[in-house]
């Protein structure tokens, strides 16, 4: 897709009915603006984790979780327990984690428990002998989509270090996320489905959001 800098925008390129600011943001992002969304800013684990848990526990059809790091600690196990319970209840739960990000963070037993409960788990870009430098490509996304109606895009991974260790005087990591509802959720779901397809069979056609024209 062709992108231009702010200096390239001239009156002749403006679309009637849209403000200059809207078009500047669209050009800078390299994607069209999507209107009609509701955004809630979430600060640190204190606000993010409860919001995630509330949405996960309310899931009725699907959960898609793309997470760079998922620790096998008290926080990670709490989330894993929710995902496993939802899968047992018939919710389609898919988890995608990064190989390098997850290295030494969670055991094979941790992932096995999720799979045995019905969670579909995939690992992004494991090392391969035929591509010795392929491991340099990583998936740093931290995204959760529930029922294709609510999405979270965040800087936090899942683990106790983001919540801090108050008993040891260690503050939580300062990190921010957003809760999104509205048409943009389909775009986030579509981004998840693209990476999911890189790691194996793609999502069933009836579960892939329709691309807007």
Protein backbone atom coordinates (compact mmCIF):
# COMPACT_ATOMS: atom_id res chain seq x y z
CA UNK A 1 0.00 0.00 0.00
CA UNK A 2 1.31 3.42 -0.92
CA UNK A 3 1.87 5.72 2.02
CA UNK A 4 2.76 9.38 1.97
CA UNK A 5 4.07 11.74 4.58
CA UNK A 6 2.06 14.62 5.96
CA UNK A 7 3.91 16.99 3.66
CA UNK A 8 2.53 15.15 0.63
CA UNK A 9 -1.09 15.90 1.47
CA UNK A 10 -2.42 18.70 -0.64
CA UNK A 11 -5.90 20.17 -1.11
CA UNK A 12 -6.27 18.19 -4.33
CA UNK A 13 -5.99 14.91 -2.41
CA UNK A 14 -8.67 15.70 0.17
CA UNK A 15 -11.90 13.74 0.13
CA UNK A 16 -15.02 15.90 0.43
CA UNK A 17 -16.81 15.44 3.73
CA UNK A 18 -13.75 14.32 5.68
CA UNK A 19 -11.62 16.55 7.83
CA UNK A 20 -7.96 17.11 7.15
CA UNK A 21 -7.13 15.57 10.54
CA UNK A 22 -8.97 12.33 9.68
CA UNK A 23 -7.10 11.98 6.42
CA UNK A 24 -3.76 12.75 8.03
CA UNK A 25 -4.30 9.98 10.60
CA UNK A 26 -5.44 7.56 7.91
CA UNK A 27 -2.42 8.28 5.73
CA UNK A 28 -0.03 8.00 8.68
CA UNK A 29 -1.50 4.66 9.74
CA UNK A 30 -1.58 3.26 6.22
CA UNK A 31 -5.17 2.12 6.77
CA UNK A 32 -8.64 3.63 6.53
CA UNK A 33 -10.21 5.07 9.65
CA UNK A 34 -13.03 3.02 11.11
CA UNK A 35 -15.76 5.01 12.80
CA UNK A 36 -18.41 3.99 15.30
CA UNK A 37 -16.15 2.41 17.91
CA UNK A 38 -16.02 2.72 21.68
CA UNK A 39 -12.58 2.82 23.32
CA UNK A 40 -11.72 2.48 26.98
CA UNK A 41 -8.20 3.20 28.18
CA UNK A 42 -6.83 0.65 30.68
CA UNK A 43 -3.77 1.48 32.76
CA UNK A 44 -1.46 -1.21 34.15
CA UNK A 45 -2.44 -4.71 35.20
CA UNK A 46 -4.71 -3.30 37.90
CA UNK A 47 -7.18 -2.20 35.21
CA UNK A 48 -6.30 -4.50 32.32
CA UNK A 49 -6.43 -7.91 33.96
CA UNK A 50 -9.87 -7.53 35.60
CA UNK A 51 -11.31 -6.25 32.30
CA UNK A 52 -9.79 -9.19 30.41
CA UNK A 53 -11.06 -11.70 32.94
CA UNK A 54 -14.57 -10.23 32.88
CA UNK A 55 -14.74 -10.52 29.09
CA UNK A 56 -13.22 -14.00 28.99
CA UNK A 57 -15.67 -15.28 31.57
CA UNK A 58 -18.58 -13.81 29.58
CA UNK A 59 -17.54 -15.51 26.31
CA UNK A 60 -20.28 -17.53 24.63
CA UNK A 61 -18.85 -18.42 21.22
CA UNK A 62 -15.14 -17.76 20.80
CA UNK A 63 -11.97 -16.54 22.46
CA UNK A 64 -8.88 -15.65 20.46
CA UNK A 65 -5.81 -14.84 22.53
CA UNK A 66 -2.56 -13.83 20.85
CA UNK A 67 0.08 -13.24 23.51
CA UNK A 68 3.83 -12.73 23.21
CA UNK A 69 4.48 -14.08 26.72
CA UNK A 70 2.26 -16.15 28.97
CA UNK A 71 3.95 -17.04 32.26
CA UNK A 72 3.25 -20.22 34.13
CA UNK A 73 2.80 -18.43 37.45
CA UNK A 74 -0.19 -17.55 39.61
CA UNK A 75 -1.48 -14.99 37.09
CA UNK A 76 -0.89 -17.22 34.06
CA UNK A 77 -2.53 -20.20 35.75
CA UNK A 78 -5.54 -18.06 36.63
CA UNK A 79 -6.00 -17.14 32.98
CA UNK A 80 -5.32 -20.73 31.86
CA UNK A 81 -8.01 -22.02 34.21
CA UNK A 82 -10.55 -19.61 32.71
CA UNK A 83 -9.61 -20.60 29.15
CA UNK A 84 -9.86 -24.30 29.97
CA UNK A 85 -13.23 -23.92 31.65
CA UNK A 86 -14.63 -21.96 28.71
CA UNK A 87 -13.34 -24.61 26.28
CA UNK A 88 -15.00 -27.36 28.33
CA UNK A 89 -18.23 -25.35 28.14
CA UNK A 90 -18.13 -25.39 24.35
CA UNK A 91 -16.51 -22.03 23.61
CA UNK A 92 -13.99 -22.16 20.75
CA UNK A 93 -10.77 -21.11 22.48
CA UNK A 94 -7.62 -20.48 20.46
CA UNK A 95 -4.31 -19.39 21.97
CA UNK A 96 -1.30 -18.23 19.97
CA UNK A 97 1.98 -17.55 21.74
CA UNK A 98 5.43 -16.65 20.52
CA UNK A 99 8.17 -19.29 20.75
CA UNK A 100 10.93 -16.92 21.85
CA UNK A 101 8.67 -14.91 24.13
CA UNK A 102 7.46 -18.10 25.78
CA UNK A 103 10.88 -19.72 26.08
CA UNK A 104 11.38 -20.86 29.70
CA UNK A 105 8.20 -19.00 30.71
CA UNK A 106 5.82 -21.97 30.63
CA UNK A 107 6.40 -25.71 30.63
CA UNK A 108 5.22 -28.27 28.12
CA UNK A 109 2.90 -29.57 30.81
CA UNK A 110 1.23 -26.16 31.01
CA UNK A 111 0.39 -26.18 27.29
CA UNK A 112 -0.59 -29.85 27.40
CA UNK A 113 -3.20 -29.13 30.08
CA UNK A 114 -4.72 -26.44 27.89
CA UNK A 115 -4.86 -28.73 24.86
CA UNK A 116 -6.36 -31.59 26.84
CA UNK A 117 -9.12 -29.24 28.01
CA UNK A 118 -10.01 -28.44 24.40
CA UNK A 119 -8.03 -25.24 23.89
CA UNK A 120 -6.37 -25.06 20.49
CA UNK A 121 -2.82 -23.88 21.16
CA UNK A 122 -0.28 -22.84 18.54
CA UNK A 123 3.27 -21.53 18.79
CA UNK A 124 4.52 -18.85 16.43
CA UNK A 125 7.77 -19.45 14.56
CA UNK A 126 9.59 -22.27 16.29
CA UNK A 127 13.22 -22.65 15.13
CA UNK A 128 13.64 -24.68 11.94
CA UNK A 129 16.74 -26.34 10.55
CA UNK A 130 15.91 -25.17 7.03
CA UNK A 131 15.70 -21.53 8.19
CA UNK A 132 18.49 -20.89 10.73
CA UNK A 133 17.74 -17.15 10.97
CA UNK A 134 13.98 -17.48 10.73
CA UNK A 135 13.65 -17.23 14.49
CA UNK A 136 14.42 -13.51 14.21
CA UNK A 137 10.83 -12.92 13.11
CA UNK A 138 8.69 -12.66 16.24
CA UNK A 139 5.05 -12.06 17.10
CA UNK A 140 5.00 -9.31 19.74
CA UNK A 141 1.25 -8.80 19.66
CA UNK A 142 -0.83 -8.88 22.82
CA UNK A 143 -4.43 -9.19 21.65
CA UNK A 144 -7.63 -10.74 22.99
CA UNK A 145 -10.88 -10.97 21.02
CA UNK A 146 -14.06 -12.31 22.60
CA UNK A 147 -17.11 -13.32 20.54
CA UNK A 148 -15.95 -10.94 17.78
CA UNK A 149 -17.60 -8.18 19.81
CA UNK A 150 -14.94 -7.01 22.27
CA UNK A 151 -11.18 -6.76 21.73
CA UNK A 152 -8.20 -5.76 23.83
CA UNK A 153 -5.01 -4.41 22.28
CA UNK A 154 -2.37 -3.95 24.90
CA UNK A 155 1.25 -3.65 25.89
CA UNK A 156 0.89 -6.13 28.74
CA UNK A 157 1.65 -9.83 28.58
CA UNK A 158 0.22 -12.28 31.11
CA UNK A 159 2.28 -12.82 34.24
CA UNK A 160 2.87 -11.74 37.80
CA UNK A 161 5.64 -9.31 36.85
CA UNK A 162 3.03 -7.05 35.23
CA UNK A 163 1.01 -7.06 38.44
CA UNK A 164 4.06 -6.45 40.62
CA UNK A 165 5.15 -7.98 43.90
CA UNK A 166 3.82 -5.67 46.63
CA UNK A 167 5.03 -8.04 49.35
CA UNK A 168 8.56 -7.41 48.08
CA UNK A 169 8.07 -3.71 47.39
CA UNK A 170 8.21 -4.23 43.61
CA UNK A 171 5.81 -2.01 41.68
CA UNK A 172 3.86 -3.33 38.68
CA UNK A 173 5.18 -2.66 35.22
CA UNK A 174 3.79 0.57 33.80
CA UNK A 175 1.84 -0.48 30.73
CA UNK A 176 -1.33 0.50 28.91
CA UNK A 177 -4.03 -1.21 26.92
CA UNK A 178 -7.36 -0.38 25.33
CA UNK A 179 -10.72 -2.12 25.28
CA UNK A 180 -12.43 -1.80 21.91
CA UNK A 181 -16.00 -2.49 20.84
CA UNK A 182 -17.50 -1.70 17.47
CA UNK A 183 -16.59 -2.29 13.82
CA UNK A 184 -12.83 -2.20 14.46
CA UNK A 185 -13.07 -5.50 16.35
CA UNK A 186 -13.50 -7.30 13.03
CA UNK A 187 -10.23 -5.80 11.80
CA UNK A 188 -8.46 -7.04 14.93
CA UNK A 189 -10.03 -10.47 14.47
CA UNK A 190 -8.88 -10.48 10.86
CA UNK A 191 -5.32 -9.68 11.96
CA UNK A 192 -5.43 -12.60 14.40
CA UNK A 193 -6.72 -14.94 11.71
CA UNK A 194 -3.86 -13.96 9.39
CA UNK A 195 -1.20 -14.95 11.93
CA UNK A 196 -3.17 -18.05 12.92
CA UNK A 197 -3.04 -19.19 9.30
CA UNK A 198 0.75 -18.80 9.28
CA UNK A 199 1.03 -21.34 12.10
CA UNK A 200 -1.25 -24.03 10.63
CA UNK A 201 -4.66 -24.54 9.11
CA UNK A 202 -6.59 -21.28 8.75
CA UNK A 203 -9.77 -20.48 10.61
CA UNK A 204 -12.93 -21.95 9.08
CA UNK A 205 -14.31 -19.58 6.43
CA UNK A 206 -17.45 -18.89 8.44
CA UNK A 207 -15.33 -17.60 11.33
CA UNK A 208 -13.22 -15.15 9.34
CA UNK A 209 -14.60 -11.60 9.50
CA UNK A 210 -15.72 -10.13 6.19
CA UNK A 211 -13.22 -7.65 4.81
CA UNK A 212 -14.70 -4.22 4.35
CA UNK A 213 -14.28 -2.55 1.01
